Each structure stands twice: as C-alpha cells, then as structure tokens.
C-alpha cells in the first residue's frame, strides 16, 4: 500500500518515482483552504516545478512555482473531466 504524501520526509523525486508521476501528471490536494490542482513540469530532488491549474479552489491562470509534496496528501487527478474542465470540483 502506498502511503500518503502529507508529512512524507522523502524527496519529491522519490515520491514521484514510487507513484509513477512524471512530467505532465496533474495532482490534487487540499490543505483545508480549498482544492489545489497542479501539473508537474519538472522533478528535482528537493522540489517540483509545477504549473497551477487551481489554487485554493480558484482558477490559477497557469502560474508556475516550485513545490514540495509534504504540505498536502496529494493524489493523481484521474478524472479526465476535471483535467479538461478544472473549474469542476474533483
């Protein structure tokens, strides 16, 4: 069984390899302030280079940033309807 990413001390690269997350994968998590969906643009040892799709429940207009994975329990976005219409709740 794959454990959650919340407070996982391993590097983003290790977690992504374990889960099969690669460039282009969209993942979703909620820190209590609304859903955040990000798309992985690059995987480094310490951070992911990501593009925001939704940030705290609101459209994010493609802003890019560096992220770790320990602040939310991230899951891959499997619903193609959410990927094509990110304003729909996951």
Protein backbone atom coordinates (compact mmCIF):
# COMPACT_ATOMS: atom_id res chain seq x y z
CA UNK A 1 0.00 0.00 0.00
CA UNK A 2 1.33 3.44 -0.93
CA UNK A 3 1.34 5.86 1.99
CA UNK A 4 0.09 9.44 1.70
CA UNK A 5 2.37 12.35 0.88
CA UNK A 6 1.38 14.50 3.86
CA UNK A 7 4.49 15.00 6.03
CA UNK A 8 6.40 12.39 3.99
CA UNK A 9 10.10 13.16 4.66
CA UNK A 10 11.27 11.68 1.34
CA UNK A 11 12.24 13.86 -1.61
CA UNK A 12 9.67 14.75 -4.27
CA UNK A 13 11.74 12.73 -6.75
CA UNK A 14 11.42 9.57 -4.62
CA UNK A 15 7.68 10.06 -4.13
CA UNK A 16 7.08 10.73 -7.85
CA UNK A 17 9.08 7.65 -8.87
CA UNK A 18 7.12 5.48 -6.43
CA UNK A 19 3.77 6.73 -7.72
CA UNK A 20 4.67 6.88 -11.41
CA UNK A 21 4.13 10.65 -11.54
CA UNK A 22 6.01 12.19 -14.46
CA UNK A 23 6.08 15.45 -16.37
CA UNK A 24 2.51 16.29 -17.35
CA UNK A 25 0.87 14.46 -14.42
CA UNK A 26 -1.79 16.51 -12.63
CA UNK A 27 -2.14 16.02 -8.88
CA UNK A 28 -4.76 17.31 -6.46
CA UNK A 29 -4.56 18.10 -2.75
CA UNK A 30 -6.42 20.14 -0.13
CA UNK A 31 -4.79 21.93 2.81
CA UNK A 32 -8.15 22.99 4.26
CA UNK A 33 -8.39 26.21 2.19
CA UNK A 34 -9.78 24.60 -0.97
CA UNK A 35 -8.59 22.20 -3.64
CA UNK A 36 -5.29 22.83 -5.37
CA UNK A 37 -4.52 21.10 -8.66
CA UNK A 38 -1.01 21.36 -10.07
CA UNK A 39 0.62 19.96 -13.19
CA UNK A 40 4.17 18.63 -12.90
CA UNK A 41 6.56 20.42 -15.29
CA UNK A 42 9.82 19.09 -13.82
CA UNK A 43 11.02 16.85 -11.00
CA UNK A 44 14.06 17.79 -8.92
CA UNK A 45 15.46 16.19 -5.79
CA UNK A 46 14.18 18.95 -3.47
CA UNK A 47 11.26 20.48 -5.36
CA UNK A 48 8.81 20.01 -8.19
CA UNK A 49 8.48 22.68 -10.88
CA UNK A 50 4.72 22.95 -11.30
CA UNK A 51 2.01 24.92 -13.06
CA UNK A 52 -1.07 25.79 -11.02
CA UNK A 53 -4.37 24.71 -12.55
CA UNK A 54 -6.48 25.54 -9.47
CA UNK A 55 -5.16 27.20 -6.31
CA UNK A 56 -7.31 27.09 -3.16
CA UNK A 57 -10.42 26.39 -5.21
CA UNK A 58 -9.92 29.21 -7.74
CA UNK A 59 -8.57 29.14 -11.32
CA UNK A 60 -4.85 29.90 -11.23
CA UNK A 61 -4.21 31.00 -14.83
CA UNK A 62 -1.09 28.87 -15.34
CA UNK A 63 1.20 30.48 -12.76
CA UNK A 64 4.38 28.43 -12.17
CA UNK A 65 6.20 27.74 -8.92
CA UNK A 66 8.44 25.31 -7.03
CA UNK A 67 6.65 22.92 -4.65
CA UNK A 68 7.38 20.16 -2.18
CA UNK A 69 4.85 17.42 -1.52
CA UNK A 70 4.69 17.34 2.29
CA UNK A 71 2.04 20.02 2.88
CA UNK A 72 -0.95 18.07 1.46
CA UNK A 73 -1.93 14.49 0.81
CA UNK A 74 -1.56 14.60 -2.97
CA UNK A 75 -3.36 12.20 -5.32
CA UNK A 76 -3.20 11.92 -9.10
CA UNK A 77 -6.11 13.55 -10.94
CA UNK A 78 -7.67 10.57 -12.67
CA UNK A 79 -10.92 12.18 -13.80
CA UNK A 80 -10.45 13.42 -17.37
CA UNK A 81 -13.47 15.73 -16.91
CA UNK A 82 -11.57 17.59 -14.18
CA UNK A 83 -8.42 17.77 -16.33
CA UNK A 84 -10.35 19.27 -19.24
CA UNK A 85 -12.58 21.50 -17.04
CA UNK A 86 -10.57 22.44 -13.94
CA UNK A 87 -13.39 24.63 -12.56
CA UNK A 88 -15.34 21.43 -11.81
CA UNK A 89 -14.80 20.01 -8.29
CA UNK A 90 -12.61 16.89 -8.22
